[in-house]
C-alpha cells in the first residue's frame, strides 16, 4: 500500500509526488551543471575578462571577489542553491543585468519555435501514419525508410540544408531573424521533420495494433466505415503513447532549439545559452538549466494528468 495524504484526491496526490520528484530533478541538473562548469579546464575569470584581454593580478582578484569566485567551491555551491531557492537567478557576469529580465526578453521566440515545431511534427506524423497504416508491404516499407531518414538527420544539419536550398538559392524564405511568420518556417521544419519521423512510427504501430482488437472487429461488424472507425476508435487508441512521447519531446525541444536558433540567427534562449557557455557565464547557464528542467517536469506532469481523460480505464488505477 502506498502512503497517501488523507482528504486529497488521487490527482492531487500524484501532483504532489511529481512535484517532489521535479525538485529532485532540478537540483540534480543544477548540481551537475555547476560542477561541470567549475571543473572544466580554464579559468572562469578569463571568460569574464574576455578573450585576448590583459588584466593585472589585482584586477583579477577584484573580479573574482565581485563574482564570488574567491570562495571555496562548496561555499559557492551552497550560495547558488540558496539563491535559486529564493527565486533569485542573480545577475549575468557578462551582461551586467538581472537574469530574470534577460530570460524574459528572450523566452517568447523560443516558445514560438518549440510549440510550432511540435504542432507541425504532430500534424505530419498523424497524416503519414493514417495514410500508410495497414497498407501493402511496399507502401509501409517506403514510409518506414522515409521516417528512418528523417529521424537520422540532425536538426542543425537539416537546418543548413533547408537554409541553403530554400533561402540562399530559391529565396523562398528569409535566412535570418524573426521578422514574421515566414522566418519561422525553416527553423520549424528543421526541428519538426526528425520528430515527425519518430512520432509517425509510434502512431502507425499503435494503429496497426488496435486494428486487430475486438472492439475494432465489433465496430466493423456493425457497419462502421473505415474513416469513422479511425476517428472514433483506432486513432484514440494511439493518443495515450502519443501524448506521452509528445510531452517528452516538447520538454526537450527547448534544448534542441539551441543550435537551430544559432543557425538561423534567431533571438531566443538558445543563443543566450550558447553565448553564456562560451563566456562561462555561470549564473545564466544555471538559470537556463533550471528553466529547462522545470519546463520538462511540468509538461510531463500535465501529460500524465491527461492520461485518465484519454483512457478512462486508468482512472481506477490512478485512485489506488
Protein backbone atom coordinates (compact mmCIF):
# COMPACT_ATOMS: atom_id res chain seq x y z
CA UNK A 1 0.00 0.00 0.00
CA UNK A 2 1.33 3.45 -0.89
CA UNK A 3 1.26 6.18 1.67
CA UNK A 4 -1.19 8.93 0.80
CA UNK A 5 -2.38 12.22 2.21
CA UNK A 6 -5.92 11.86 3.65
CA UNK A 7 -8.52 14.06 2.03
CA UNK A 8 -6.60 14.70 -1.18
CA UNK A 9 -7.99 13.41 -4.48
CA UNK A 10 -5.79 10.98 -6.45
CA UNK A 11 -4.67 13.60 -8.98
CA UNK A 12 -3.55 15.92 -6.16
CA UNK A 13 -1.52 13.14 -4.52
CA UNK A 14 0.02 12.33 -7.88
CA UNK A 15 0.86 16.00 -8.49
CA UNK A 16 2.45 16.25 -5.05
CA UNK A 17 4.65 13.21 -5.70
CA UNK A 18 5.65 14.60 -9.08
CA UNK A 19 6.44 17.98 -7.52
CA UNK A 20 8.87 16.33 -5.10
CA UNK A 21 10.42 14.35 -7.94
CA UNK A 22 10.62 17.53 -10.02
CA UNK A 23 12.53 19.37 -7.31
CA UNK A 24 14.98 16.45 -7.20
CA UNK A 25 15.42 16.58 -10.98
CA UNK A 26 16.07 20.33 -10.97
CA UNK A 27 18.51 20.01 -8.07
CA UNK A 28 20.37 17.23 -9.86
CA UNK A 29 20.69 19.15 -13.11
CA UNK A 30 21.85 22.29 -11.30
CA UNK A 31 24.43 20.28 -9.37
CA UNK A 32 25.83 18.59 -12.47
CA UNK A 33 25.95 21.89 -14.37
CA UNK A 34 27.62 23.77 -11.53
CA UNK A 35 30.45 21.31 -11.02
CA UNK A 36 30.88 20.65 -14.75
CA UNK A 37 31.49 24.35 -15.42
CA UNK A 38 33.76 24.86 -12.40
CA UNK A 39 35.81 21.71 -13.00
CA UNK A 40 36.20 22.22 -16.75
CA UNK A 41 39.66 23.32 -17.97
CA UNK A 42 40.26 27.04 -17.94
CA UNK A 43 39.54 29.89 -15.57
CA UNK A 44 36.10 31.49 -15.28
CA UNK A 45 37.77 34.83 -14.63
CA UNK A 46 39.35 34.66 -18.09
CA UNK A 47 35.89 34.31 -19.56
CA UNK A 48 34.69 37.33 -17.61
CA UNK A 49 37.64 39.44 -18.75
CA UNK A 50 37.22 38.45 -22.39
CA UNK A 51 39.41 36.75 -24.98
CA UNK A 52 42.78 38.39 -25.55
CA UNK A 53 42.29 40.98 -22.80
CA UNK A 54 45.12 41.55 -20.32
CA UNK A 55 44.48 42.07 -16.62
CA UNK A 56 46.70 42.65 -13.64
CA UNK A 57 46.62 40.17 -10.75
CA UNK A 58 44.93 42.81 -8.62
CA UNK A 59 42.16 43.27 -11.20
CA UNK A 60 41.70 39.51 -11.50
CA UNK A 61 41.33 39.20 -7.73
CA UNK A 62 38.82 42.06 -7.72
CA UNK A 63 36.73 40.46 -10.47
CA UNK A 64 36.82 37.08 -8.70
CA UNK A 65 35.74 38.69 -5.42
CA UNK A 66 32.85 40.58 -7.04
CA UNK A 67 31.61 37.39 -8.68
CA UNK A 68 32.09 35.32 -5.52
CA UNK A 69 34.65 33.12 -7.24
CA UNK A 70 37.23 33.59 -4.49
CA UNK A 71 35.17 31.40 -2.14
CA UNK A 72 35.71 27.63 -1.76
CA UNK A 73 33.82 25.61 -4.34
CA UNK A 74 31.37 24.08 -1.87
CA UNK A 75 30.61 27.51 -0.44
CA UNK A 76 29.86 28.80 -3.93
CA UNK A 77 27.64 25.77 -4.50
CA UNK A 78 25.70 26.40 -1.30
CA UNK A 79 25.26 30.07 -2.17
CA UNK A 80 24.00 29.12 -5.62
CA UNK A 81 21.39 26.75 -4.19
CA UNK A 82 20.20 29.28 -1.59
CA UNK A 83 19.87 31.98 -4.24
CA UNK A 84 17.89 29.72 -6.60
CA UNK A 85 15.67 28.52 -3.74
CA UNK A 86 14.74 32.14 -3.03
CA UNK A 87 13.67 32.59 -6.66
CA UNK A 88 16.55 34.91 -7.49
CA UNK A 89 18.52 33.97 -10.61
CA UNK A 90 21.11 36.65 -9.91
CA UNK A 91 22.99 38.82 -12.38
CA UNK A 92 24.78 37.96 -15.59
CA UNK A 93 28.57 38.18 -15.30
CA UNK A 94 28.95 39.35 -18.88
CA UNK A 95 25.87 41.48 -19.49
CA UNK A 96 25.57 43.05 -16.05
CA UNK A 97 21.77 42.79 -15.89
CA UNK A 98 19.28 40.71 -13.92
CA UNK A 99 18.97 37.26 -15.43
CA UNK A 100 15.20 37.25 -14.97
CA UNK A 101 14.93 40.30 -17.22
CA UNK A 102 17.33 38.76 -19.74
CA UNK A 103 15.42 35.49 -19.99
CA UNK A 104 12.05 37.25 -20.02
CA UNK A 105 13.07 39.18 -23.12
CA UNK A 106 14.20 36.02 -24.96
CA UNK A 107 11.79 33.28 -23.89
CA UNK A 108 8.92 34.08 -26.26
CA UNK A 109 10.79 33.41 -29.55
CA UNK A 110 11.93 30.04 -28.17
CA UNK A 111 8.38 29.16 -27.04
CA UNK A 112 7.10 30.07 -30.51
CA UNK A 113 9.68 27.83 -32.18
CA UNK A 114 9.17 24.88 -29.82
CA UNK A 115 5.35 24.91 -29.99
CA UNK A 116 5.38 25.45 -33.77
CA UNK A 117 7.80 22.56 -34.26
CA UNK A 118 5.77 20.20 -32.08
CA UNK A 119 2.47 21.11 -33.75
CA UNK A 120 3.98 20.66 -37.21
CA UNK A 121 5.54 17.33 -36.23
CA UNK A 122 2.23 16.04 -34.85
CA UNK A 123 0.28 17.01 -37.97
CA UNK A 124 2.84 15.45 -40.31
CA UNK A 125 3.11 12.30 -38.19
CA UNK A 126 -0.65 11.75 -37.94
CA UNK A 127 -1.07 12.26 -41.69
CA UNK A 128 1.79 9.93 -42.56
CA UNK A 129 0.66 7.21 -40.15
CA UNK A 130 -3.01 7.26 -41.07
CA UNK A 131 -2.26 7.22 -44.80
CA UNK A 132 0.15 4.25 -44.59
CA UNK A 133 -1.09 2.12 -41.68
CA UNK A 134 -2.31 -1.28 -42.82
CA UNK A 135 -1.26 -0.71 -46.43
CA UNK A 136 0.80 -3.07 -48.55
CA UNK A 137 4.39 -4.01 -47.88
CA UNK A 138 5.74 -1.58 -50.50
CA UNK A 139 3.88 1.42 -49.06
CA UNK A 140 4.79 0.60 -45.48
CA UNK A 141 8.41 -0.07 -46.43
CA UNK A 142 8.71 3.25 -48.25
CA UNK A 143 7.14 5.05 -45.30
CA UNK A 144 9.44 3.33 -42.80
CA UNK A 145 12.51 4.22 -44.89
CA UNK A 146 11.46 7.86 -45.19
CA UNK A 147 10.81 8.10 -41.46
CA UNK A 148 14.15 6.46 -40.67
CA UNK A 149 15.93 9.01 -42.85
CA UNK A 150 14.05 11.85 -41.16
CA UNK A 151 14.88 10.60 -37.66
CA UNK A 152 18.53 10.12 -38.60
CA UNK A 153 19.01 13.72 -39.74
CA UNK A 154 20.35 16.05 -37.00
CA UNK A 155 18.30 19.23 -36.74
CA UNK A 156 21.30 21.50 -37.25
CA UNK A 157 22.35 19.65 -40.43
CA UNK A 158 18.79 19.71 -41.76
CA UNK A 159 18.65 23.41 -40.97
CA UNK A 160 21.75 24.07 -43.05
CA UNK A 161 20.30 22.08 -45.98
CA UNK A 162 16.98 23.94 -45.83
CA UNK A 163 18.75 27.26 -45.46
CA UNK A 164 20.93 26.60 -48.50
CA UNK A 165 18.13 25.29 -50.72
CA UNK A 166 15.13 27.42 -49.81
CA UNK A 167 16.76 30.65 -48.73
CA UNK A 168 20.11 31.17 -50.44
CA UNK A 169 19.23 29.52 -53.77
CA UNK A 170 15.47 29.78 -54.23
CA UNK A 171 14.95 32.85 -51.97
CA UNK A 172 11.61 31.49 -50.78
CA UNK A 173 12.10 32.12 -47.06
CA UNK A 174 14.25 34.59 -45.12
CA UNK A 175 17.55 33.23 -43.87
CA UNK A 176 17.93 35.01 -40.54
CA UNK A 177 15.99 36.80 -37.85
CA UNK A 178 12.46 36.59 -36.53
CA UNK A 179 10.69 39.17 -38.65
CA UNK A 180 7.39 37.36 -39.14
CA UNK A 181 5.72 34.00 -39.80
CA UNK A 182 7.87 33.36 -42.88
CA UNK A 183 11.05 33.49 -40.80
CA UNK A 184 9.67 30.73 -38.56
CA UNK A 185 9.14 28.19 -41.36
CA UNK A 186 12.69 26.90 -41.87
CA UNK A 187 13.61 26.66 -38.15
CA UNK A 188 10.29 24.90 -37.52
CA UNK A 189 10.90 22.34 -40.26
CA UNK A 190 14.45 21.75 -39.03
CA UNK A 191 13.12 20.67 -35.65
CA UNK A 192 9.82 19.13 -36.79
CA UNK A 193 10.86 16.72 -39.56
CA UNK A 194 13.03 14.42 -37.39
CA UNK A 195 10.33 14.45 -34.70
CA UNK A 196 7.61 13.67 -37.24
CA UNK A 197 9.52 10.59 -38.38
CA UNK A 198 9.70 9.30 -34.82
CA UNK A 199 6.09 10.10 -33.94
CA UNK A 200 4.76 8.58 -37.18
CA UNK A 201 6.41 5.25 -36.35
CA UNK A 202 4.74 5.21 -32.93
CA UNK A 203 1.30 6.17 -34.29
CA UNK A 204 1.40 3.61 -37.11
CA UNK A 205 2.38 0.84 -34.71
CA UNK A 206 -0.49 1.72 -32.38
CA UNK A 207 -3.00 1.95 -35.24
CA UNK A 208 -1.99 -1.42 -36.64
CA UNK A 209 -2.04 -2.97 -33.16
CA UNK A 210 -5.54 -1.63 -32.49
CA UNK A 211 -6.82 -2.81 -35.87
CA UNK A 212 -6.97 -6.41 -34.67
CA UNK A 213 -8.55 -5.69 -31.29
CA UNK A 214 -12.06 -7.00 -30.52
CA UNK A 215 -13.60 -3.52 -30.27
CA UNK A 216 -12.46 -2.75 -33.83
CA UNK A 217 -13.84 -6.03 -35.17
CA UNK A 218 -17.12 -5.37 -33.39
CA UNK A 219 -17.36 -1.86 -34.83
CA UNK A 220 -16.73 -3.20 -38.34
CA UNK A 221 -19.37 -5.88 -37.85
CA UNK A 222 -21.86 -3.14 -37.01
CA UNK A 223 -21.14 -1.48 -40.35
CA UNK A 224 -18.96 1.39 -39.15
CA UNK A 225 -16.95 2.85 -42.03
CA UNK A 226 -13.16 2.91 -42.03
CA UNK A 227 -12.94 6.69 -41.67
CA UNK A 228 -15.35 6.75 -38.73
CA UNK A 229 -13.53 3.76 -37.23
CA UNK A 230 -10.25 5.63 -37.48
CA UNK A 231 -11.53 8.85 -35.93
CA UNK A 232 -13.64 7.29 -33.17
CA UNK A 233 -11.60 4.28 -32.13
CA UNK A 234 -8.18 3.42 -33.50
CA UNK A 235 -6.75 6.95 -33.52
CA UNK A 236 -7.91 7.45 -29.94
CA UNK A 237 -6.11 4.24 -29.04
CA UNK A 238 -2.87 5.84 -30.28
CA UNK A 239 -3.34 9.05 -28.27
CA UNK A 240 -2.01 7.63 -25.00
CA UNK A 241 1.53 6.78 -26.14
CA UNK A 242 1.47 9.78 -28.48
CA UNK A 243 0.78 12.28 -25.70
CA UNK A 244 3.46 10.69 -23.53
CA UNK A 245 6.04 10.96 -26.27
CA UNK A 246 4.87 14.45 -27.28
CA UNK A 247 5.32 15.68 -23.70
CA UNK A 248 8.81 14.23 -23.57
CA UNK A 249 9.64 15.81 -26.93
CA UNK A 250 8.25 19.24 -26.02
CA UNK A 251 10.34 19.33 -22.87
CA UNK A 252 13.44 18.50 -24.90
CA UNK A 253 12.69 20.98 -27.70
CA UNK A 254 13.87 23.89 -25.57
CA UNK A 255 17.30 22.32 -25.50
CA UNK A 256 17.17 21.29 -29.15
CA UNK A 257 16.46 24.88 -30.19
CA UNK A 258 19.98 25.96 -29.19
CA UNK A 259 21.74 25.04 -32.43
CA UNK A 260 18.77 25.86 -34.68
CA UNK A 261 18.41 29.36 -33.26
CA UNK A 262 22.09 29.99 -33.82
CA UNK A 263 21.99 28.67 -37.40
CA UNK A 264 19.11 30.97 -38.32
CA UNK A 265 20.34 33.86 -36.12
CA UNK A 266 17.04 33.93 -34.27
CA UNK A 267 16.60 35.59 -30.89
CA UNK A 268 15.80 33.20 -28.09
CA UNK A 269 17.12 31.20 -25.19
CA UNK A 270 19.31 29.08 -27.46
CA UNK A 271 21.51 31.99 -28.45
CA UNK A 272 21.64 33.19 -24.85
CA UNK A 273 22.79 29.73 -23.73
CA UNK A 274 25.43 29.44 -26.46
CA UNK A 275 26.85 32.85 -25.53
CA UNK A 276 26.77 32.09 -21.80
CA UNK A 277 28.54 28.73 -22.20
CA UNK A 278 31.21 30.32 -24.40
CA UNK A 279 31.92 33.02 -21.83
CA UNK A 280 31.33 30.68 -18.85
CA UNK A 281 28.65 32.99 -17.50
CA UNK A 282 27.67 30.57 -14.74
CA UNK A 283 24.55 32.35 -13.40
CA UNK A 284 22.98 32.49 -16.87
CA UNK A 285 23.81 28.84 -17.64
CA UNK A 286 22.40 27.73 -14.30
CA UNK A 287 19.21 29.75 -14.77
CA UNK A 288 18.65 28.22 -18.20
CA UNK A 289 19.24 24.72 -16.82
CA UNK A 290 16.69 25.35 -14.07
CA UNK A 291 14.19 26.72 -16.59
CA UNK A 292 14.63 23.79 -19.00
CA UNK A 293 14.35 21.23 -16.20
CA UNK A 294 11.25 22.89 -14.78
CA UNK A 295 9.57 23.01 -18.20
CA UNK A 296 10.37 19.34 -18.77
CA UNK A 297 8.93 18.30 -15.40
CA UNK A 298 5.80 20.48 -15.68
CA UNK A 299 4.97 19.39 -19.23
CA UNK A 300 5.37 15.69 -18.46
CA UNK A 301 3.35 16.01 -15.25
CA UNK A 302 0.50 17.65 -17.17
CA UNK A 303 0.68 14.89 -19.78
CA UNK A 304 0.42 12.21 -17.09
CA UNK A 305 -2.58 14.01 -15.59
CA UNK A 306 -4.25 13.93 -19.02
CA UNK A 307 -3.92 10.16 -19.38
CA UNK A 308 -7.06 9.29 -17.35
CA UNK A 309 -9.06 11.72 -19.53
CA UNK A 310 -7.84 9.97 -22.67
CA UNK A 311 -8.27 6.42 -21.35
CA UNK A 312 -10.99 6.08 -18.65
CA UNK A 313 -9.56 2.69 -17.66
CA UNK A 314 -6.68 4.49 -15.97
CA UNK A 315 -8.90 6.43 -13.59
CA UNK A 316 -9.45 3.47 -11.31
CA UNK A 317 -5.73 2.70 -11.25
CA UNK A 318 -4.91 6.32 -10.51
CA UNK A 319 -7.19 6.29 -7.49
CA UNK A 320 -5.36 3.42 -5.86
